[in-house]
N, C-alpha and C. Protein backbone atom coordinates (compact mmCIF):
# COMPACT_ATOMS: atom_id res chain seq x y z
N MET A 1 0.85 -1.18 0.00
CA MET A 1 0.00 0.00 0.00
C MET A 1 0.89 1.24 0.00
N SER A 2 0.61 2.18 -0.86
CA SER A 2 1.42 3.39 -0.90
C SER A 2 0.84 4.44 0.03
N VAL A 3 1.72 5.27 0.52
CA VAL A 3 1.32 6.37 1.39
C VAL A 3 1.19 7.62 0.53
N VAL A 4 0.12 8.33 0.70
CA VAL A 4 -0.13 9.53 -0.08
C VAL A 4 0.74 10.66 0.45
N ASP A 5 1.47 11.31 -0.47
CA ASP A 5 2.28 12.48 -0.12
C ASP A 5 1.36 13.69 -0.28
N ALA A 6 0.73 14.10 0.80
CA ALA A 6 -0.30 15.14 0.76
C ALA A 6 0.24 16.46 0.21
N ASP A 7 1.47 16.82 0.55
CA ASP A 7 2.03 18.08 0.04
C ASP A 7 2.22 18.01 -1.48
N ARG A 8 2.71 16.90 -1.96
CA ARG A 8 2.91 16.74 -3.39
C ARG A 8 1.58 16.75 -4.14
N VAL A 9 0.61 16.03 -3.63
CA VAL A 9 -0.72 15.99 -4.24
C VAL A 9 -1.33 17.38 -4.25
N ALA A 10 -1.20 18.13 -3.18
CA ALA A 10 -1.76 19.49 -3.12
C ALA A 10 -1.07 20.40 -4.13
N ALA A 11 0.25 20.25 -4.28
CA ALA A 11 0.99 21.08 -5.25
C ALA A 11 0.56 20.77 -6.66
N VAL A 12 0.38 19.48 -6.96
CA VAL A 12 -0.06 19.10 -8.31
C VAL A 12 -1.47 19.60 -8.56
N GLN A 13 -2.37 19.44 -7.60
CA GLN A 13 -3.74 19.91 -7.77
C GLN A 13 -3.80 21.42 -8.02
N LYS A 14 -2.93 22.17 -7.33
CA LYS A 14 -2.89 23.62 -7.50
C LYS A 14 -2.42 24.01 -8.90
N ALA A 15 -1.51 23.20 -9.48
CA ALA A 15 -0.93 23.51 -10.80
C ALA A 15 -1.82 23.06 -11.94
N LEU A 16 -2.81 22.20 -11.69
CA LEU A 16 -3.67 21.71 -12.75
C LEU A 16 -4.52 22.84 -13.34
N PRO A 17 -4.79 22.78 -14.65
CA PRO A 17 -5.67 23.79 -15.25
C PRO A 17 -7.09 23.66 -14.70
N SER A 18 -7.86 24.73 -14.83
CA SER A 18 -9.24 24.72 -14.37
C SER A 18 -10.07 23.74 -15.17
N ASP A 19 -11.23 23.39 -14.63
CA ASP A 19 -12.13 22.46 -15.32
C ASP A 19 -12.53 23.03 -16.68
N ASP A 20 -12.79 24.33 -16.75
CA ASP A 20 -13.15 24.96 -18.03
C ASP A 20 -12.01 24.84 -19.03
N SER A 21 -10.79 25.08 -18.57
CA SER A 21 -9.63 24.96 -19.46
C SER A 21 -9.46 23.54 -19.96
N VAL A 22 -9.65 22.58 -19.10
CA VAL A 22 -9.52 21.18 -19.50
C VAL A 22 -10.61 20.81 -20.51
N ARG A 23 -11.83 21.28 -20.32
CA ARG A 23 -12.92 21.02 -21.29
C ARG A 23 -12.59 21.67 -22.63
N ASN A 24 -12.09 22.90 -22.61
CA ASN A 24 -11.73 23.58 -23.87
C ASN A 24 -10.59 22.87 -24.57
N LEU A 25 -9.60 22.42 -23.83
CA LEU A 25 -8.49 21.68 -24.40
C LEU A 25 -8.97 20.37 -25.02
N ALA A 26 -9.83 19.66 -24.32
CA ALA A 26 -10.39 18.41 -24.84
C ALA A 26 -11.17 18.66 -26.13
N HIS A 27 -11.88 19.79 -26.18
CA HIS A 27 -12.65 20.13 -27.38
C HIS A 27 -11.71 20.38 -28.57
N VAL A 28 -10.64 21.12 -28.36
CA VAL A 28 -9.67 21.39 -29.43
C VAL A 28 -9.04 20.10 -29.91
N PHE A 29 -8.62 19.24 -28.98
CA PHE A 29 -8.01 17.98 -29.40
C PHE A 29 -9.03 17.10 -30.13
N GLY A 30 -10.27 17.13 -29.69
CA GLY A 30 -11.32 16.40 -30.39
C GLY A 30 -11.54 16.90 -31.81
N LEU A 31 -11.51 18.21 -31.94
CA LEU A 31 -11.65 18.84 -33.24
C LEU A 31 -10.52 18.42 -34.17
N LEU A 32 -9.31 18.36 -33.64
CA LEU A 32 -8.14 17.98 -34.42
C LEU A 32 -7.98 16.47 -34.59
N ALA A 33 -8.84 15.69 -33.96
CA ALA A 33 -8.72 14.23 -34.03
C ALA A 33 -9.31 13.62 -35.28
N ASP A 34 -10.01 14.41 -36.08
CA ASP A 34 -10.64 13.91 -37.29
C ASP A 34 -9.64 13.87 -38.45
N PRO A 35 -9.46 12.73 -39.13
CA PRO A 35 -8.50 12.66 -40.24
C PRO A 35 -8.81 13.61 -41.38
N GLY A 36 -10.06 13.83 -41.69
CA GLY A 36 -10.40 14.76 -42.77
C GLY A 36 -10.00 16.19 -42.45
N ARG A 37 -10.25 16.60 -41.21
CA ARG A 37 -9.86 17.95 -40.80
C ARG A 37 -8.34 18.09 -40.76
N LEU A 38 -7.65 17.01 -40.34
CA LEU A 38 -6.19 17.06 -40.34
C LEU A 38 -5.63 17.17 -41.75
N ARG A 39 -6.29 16.51 -42.71
CA ARG A 39 -5.85 16.62 -44.10
C ARG A 39 -5.99 18.07 -44.58
N LEU A 40 -7.10 18.70 -44.23
CA LEU A 40 -7.30 20.11 -44.61
C LEU A 40 -6.22 21.01 -43.98
N ILE A 41 -5.94 20.79 -42.71
CA ILE A 41 -4.90 21.58 -42.05
C ILE A 41 -3.55 21.34 -42.72
N SER A 42 -3.24 20.08 -43.06
CA SER A 42 -1.99 19.77 -43.75
C SER A 42 -1.90 20.49 -45.08
N ALA A 43 -3.02 20.52 -45.82
CA ALA A 43 -3.05 21.20 -47.12
C ALA A 43 -2.80 22.70 -46.93
N LEU A 44 -3.40 23.28 -45.89
CA LEU A 44 -3.18 24.70 -45.65
C LEU A 44 -1.75 24.98 -45.20
N LEU A 45 -1.16 24.05 -44.47
CA LEU A 45 0.24 24.21 -44.07
C LEU A 45 1.15 24.25 -45.29
N GLU A 46 0.87 23.41 -46.26
CA GLU A 46 1.67 23.32 -47.48
C GLU A 46 1.32 24.38 -48.50
N GLY A 47 0.03 24.63 -48.69
CA GLY A 47 -0.40 25.49 -49.78
C GLY A 47 -0.72 26.92 -49.40
N GLY A 48 -0.71 27.22 -48.13
CA GLY A 48 -1.10 28.58 -47.72
C GLY A 48 -2.58 28.79 -47.92
N GLU A 49 -2.98 29.99 -48.23
CA GLU A 49 -4.40 30.30 -48.40
C GLU A 49 -4.94 29.58 -49.64
N MET A 50 -6.08 28.91 -49.48
CA MET A 50 -6.66 28.13 -50.58
C MET A 50 -8.19 28.23 -50.53
N CYS A 51 -8.80 28.10 -51.71
CA CYS A 51 -10.26 28.08 -51.77
C CYS A 51 -10.77 26.66 -51.47
N VAL A 52 -12.05 26.57 -51.16
CA VAL A 52 -12.66 25.29 -50.80
C VAL A 52 -12.47 24.25 -51.91
N CYS A 53 -12.68 24.67 -53.16
CA CYS A 53 -12.58 23.71 -54.26
C CYS A 53 -11.16 23.13 -54.36
N ASP A 54 -10.14 23.96 -54.19
CA ASP A 54 -8.78 23.46 -54.22
C ASP A 54 -8.46 22.59 -53.02
N LEU A 55 -8.93 22.99 -51.84
CA LEU A 55 -8.73 22.16 -50.65
C LEU A 55 -9.40 20.79 -50.80
N ALA A 56 -10.62 20.78 -51.32
CA ALA A 56 -11.31 19.52 -51.52
C ALA A 56 -10.55 18.63 -52.49
N ALA A 57 -10.08 19.21 -53.60
CA ALA A 57 -9.34 18.43 -54.59
C ALA A 57 -8.02 17.91 -54.01
N ALA A 58 -7.31 18.76 -53.27
CA ALA A 58 -6.01 18.38 -52.71
C ALA A 58 -6.13 17.27 -51.66
N THR A 59 -7.24 17.24 -50.95
CA THR A 59 -7.40 16.26 -49.87
C THR A 59 -8.26 15.06 -50.24
N GLY A 60 -8.81 15.07 -51.44
CA GLY A 60 -9.65 13.95 -51.88
C GLY A 60 -11.00 13.91 -51.22
N GLN A 61 -11.48 15.06 -50.77
CA GLN A 61 -12.78 15.16 -50.11
C GLN A 61 -13.78 15.79 -51.05
N SER A 62 -15.05 15.55 -50.80
CA SER A 62 -16.06 16.27 -51.56
C SER A 62 -16.06 17.74 -51.10
N MET A 63 -16.58 18.60 -51.93
CA MET A 63 -16.66 20.01 -51.55
C MET A 63 -17.54 20.16 -50.31
N SER A 64 -18.60 19.38 -50.24
CA SER A 64 -19.52 19.46 -49.10
C SER A 64 -18.80 19.05 -47.81
N ALA A 65 -18.04 17.96 -47.86
CA ALA A 65 -17.31 17.50 -46.67
C ALA A 65 -16.24 18.52 -46.26
N ALA A 66 -15.51 19.05 -47.24
CA ALA A 66 -14.49 20.05 -46.93
C ALA A 66 -15.13 21.31 -46.34
N SER A 67 -16.23 21.76 -46.92
CA SER A 67 -16.90 22.95 -46.42
C SER A 67 -17.37 22.77 -44.99
N HIS A 68 -17.94 21.60 -44.71
CA HIS A 68 -18.42 21.32 -43.36
C HIS A 68 -17.26 21.33 -42.36
N ALA A 69 -16.17 20.64 -42.72
CA ALA A 69 -15.01 20.60 -41.83
C ALA A 69 -14.43 21.99 -41.62
N LEU A 70 -14.36 22.77 -42.68
CA LEU A 70 -13.81 24.13 -42.56
C LEU A 70 -14.70 25.02 -41.69
N ARG A 71 -15.99 24.79 -41.78
CA ARG A 71 -16.91 25.55 -40.92
C ARG A 71 -16.63 25.26 -39.45
N LEU A 72 -16.41 23.99 -39.12
CA LEU A 72 -16.10 23.62 -37.73
C LEU A 72 -14.77 24.21 -37.30
N LEU A 73 -13.77 24.12 -38.18
CA LEU A 73 -12.46 24.66 -37.86
C LEU A 73 -12.50 26.18 -37.70
N ARG A 74 -13.32 26.83 -38.50
CA ARG A 74 -13.46 28.29 -38.40
C ARG A 74 -14.18 28.70 -37.11
N ALA A 75 -15.17 27.94 -36.73
CA ALA A 75 -15.94 28.23 -35.51
C ALA A 75 -15.04 28.19 -34.28
N ASP A 76 -14.02 27.36 -34.33
CA ASP A 76 -13.10 27.25 -33.18
C ASP A 76 -11.78 27.95 -33.43
N ARG A 77 -11.77 28.87 -34.39
CA ARG A 77 -10.63 29.76 -34.66
C ARG A 77 -9.35 29.02 -35.04
N VAL A 78 -9.49 27.87 -35.70
CA VAL A 78 -8.31 27.15 -36.21
C VAL A 78 -7.95 27.70 -37.61
N VAL A 79 -8.98 28.07 -38.36
CA VAL A 79 -8.74 28.69 -39.68
C VAL A 79 -9.51 30.00 -39.74
N LYS A 80 -9.08 30.84 -40.68
CA LYS A 80 -9.77 32.11 -40.96
C LYS A 80 -10.20 32.08 -42.41
N VAL A 81 -11.21 32.86 -42.72
CA VAL A 81 -11.71 32.92 -44.09
C VAL A 81 -11.63 34.35 -44.61
N ARG A 82 -11.33 34.45 -45.90
CA ARG A 82 -11.36 35.74 -46.59
C ARG A 82 -12.26 35.54 -47.79
N ARG A 83 -13.23 36.44 -47.93
CA ARG A 83 -14.16 36.33 -49.06
C ARG A 83 -13.78 37.32 -50.15
N ALA A 84 -13.86 36.83 -51.39
CA ALA A 84 -13.62 37.67 -52.56
C ALA A 84 -14.75 37.33 -53.55
N GLY A 85 -15.77 38.16 -53.52
CA GLY A 85 -16.94 37.85 -54.34
C GLY A 85 -17.65 36.62 -53.77
N ARG A 86 -17.84 35.63 -54.63
CA ARG A 86 -18.49 34.40 -54.20
C ARG A 86 -17.50 33.36 -53.68
N MET A 87 -16.23 33.65 -53.78
CA MET A 87 -15.19 32.69 -53.37
C MET A 87 -14.80 32.92 -51.93
N ALA A 88 -14.49 31.82 -51.24
CA ALA A 88 -14.01 31.88 -49.87
C ALA A 88 -12.63 31.24 -49.84
N TYR A 89 -11.67 31.95 -49.28
CA TYR A 89 -10.28 31.48 -49.19
C TYR A 89 -9.95 31.27 -47.71
N TYR A 90 -9.41 30.09 -47.42
CA TYR A 90 -9.12 29.74 -46.03
C TYR A 90 -7.60 29.73 -45.80
N ARG A 91 -7.24 30.06 -44.56
CA ARG A 91 -5.84 30.02 -44.14
C ARG A 91 -5.85 29.63 -42.66
N LEU A 92 -4.70 29.19 -42.17
CA LEU A 92 -4.59 28.90 -40.73
C LEU A 92 -4.74 30.20 -39.95
N ALA A 93 -5.37 30.09 -38.80
CA ALA A 93 -5.66 31.28 -38.00
C ALA A 93 -4.40 31.91 -37.42
N ASP A 94 -3.45 31.08 -37.00
CA ASP A 94 -2.22 31.60 -36.42
C ASP A 94 -1.14 30.53 -36.37
N SER A 95 0.02 30.91 -35.90
CA SER A 95 1.15 29.97 -35.88
C SER A 95 1.00 28.87 -34.84
N HIS A 96 0.09 29.03 -33.89
CA HIS A 96 -0.09 27.99 -32.89
C HIS A 96 -0.57 26.69 -33.52
N VAL A 97 -1.39 26.79 -34.55
CA VAL A 97 -1.88 25.59 -35.23
C VAL A 97 -0.70 24.84 -35.85
N ARG A 98 0.19 25.55 -36.50
CA ARG A 98 1.39 24.92 -37.08
C ARG A 98 2.22 24.25 -35.97
N MET A 99 2.38 24.93 -34.84
CA MET A 99 3.17 24.37 -33.74
C MET A 99 2.54 23.08 -33.22
N LEU A 100 1.21 23.08 -33.02
CA LEU A 100 0.54 21.86 -32.59
C LEU A 100 0.76 20.72 -33.55
N PHE A 101 0.58 21.02 -34.83
CA PHE A 101 0.73 20.01 -35.87
C PHE A 101 2.17 19.49 -35.92
N ASP A 102 3.14 20.40 -35.93
CA ASP A 102 4.55 20.00 -35.99
C ASP A 102 4.96 19.16 -34.77
N LEU A 103 4.50 19.56 -33.58
CA LEU A 103 4.82 18.79 -32.37
C LEU A 103 4.21 17.39 -32.42
N ALA A 104 2.98 17.30 -32.92
CA ALA A 104 2.34 15.99 -33.00
C ALA A 104 3.06 15.09 -34.01
N ILE A 105 3.47 15.64 -35.13
CA ILE A 105 4.23 14.87 -36.13
C ILE A 105 5.56 14.40 -35.53
N THR A 106 6.24 15.26 -34.81
CA THR A 106 7.49 14.90 -34.15
C THR A 106 7.24 13.80 -33.13
N HIS A 107 6.18 13.93 -32.37
CA HIS A 107 5.86 12.96 -31.33
C HIS A 107 5.63 11.55 -31.93
N ILE A 108 4.81 11.48 -32.96
CA ILE A 108 4.50 10.16 -33.53
C ILE A 108 5.68 9.60 -34.33
N GLY A 109 6.66 10.45 -34.67
CA GLY A 109 7.81 9.97 -35.42
C GLY A 109 8.91 9.37 -34.57
N HIS A 110 8.76 9.41 -33.27
CA HIS A 110 9.80 8.82 -32.41
C HIS A 110 9.89 7.32 -32.62
N ASP A 111 11.10 6.80 -32.48
CA ASP A 111 11.31 5.36 -32.61
C ASP A 111 10.61 4.62 -31.48
N GLU A 112 10.30 3.36 -31.72
CA GLU A 112 9.65 2.53 -30.71
C GLU A 112 10.44 2.54 -29.41
N GLY A 113 11.77 2.54 -29.48
CA GLY A 113 12.60 2.52 -28.29
C GLY A 113 12.52 3.76 -27.45
N ASP A 114 12.01 4.86 -28.05
CA ASP A 114 11.92 6.13 -27.33
C ASP A 114 10.57 6.33 -26.65
N ARG A 115 9.68 5.36 -26.72
CA ARG A 115 8.33 5.54 -26.17
C ARG A 115 8.28 5.57 -24.67
N GLY A 116 9.24 4.96 -24.01
CA GLY A 116 9.23 4.98 -22.57
C GLY A 116 8.32 3.94 -21.95
N ASP A 117 7.82 2.98 -22.77
CA ASP A 117 6.98 1.91 -22.23
C ASP A 117 7.83 0.98 -21.39
N ASP A 118 7.37 0.62 -20.24
CA ASP A 118 8.11 -0.30 -19.38
C ASP A 118 7.48 -1.64 -19.34
């Protein structure tokens, strides 16, 4: 039986993010967990600002599916839209999206020996 280190537990609890922050973080990770949305983000990382029709073609999605995914990404400030007449051009909202994506790619690229599984 282990003995609880009350001071350590209290320090960890104090450092934890608020319940609202944790819910928001879970929502963002859930949003980014969809392969179709990740393909769109990848296309924007490579191609910069792109219209829906080009994004759909580049990712192999229907225009309807790409539009729906972009609407969700825009609602959560992952992408921004610029309208020019009837056309809508999407781009990443900020550099934080690139950082999240790059860190995740680096993380999954680690060798099996680096996983730390015991």
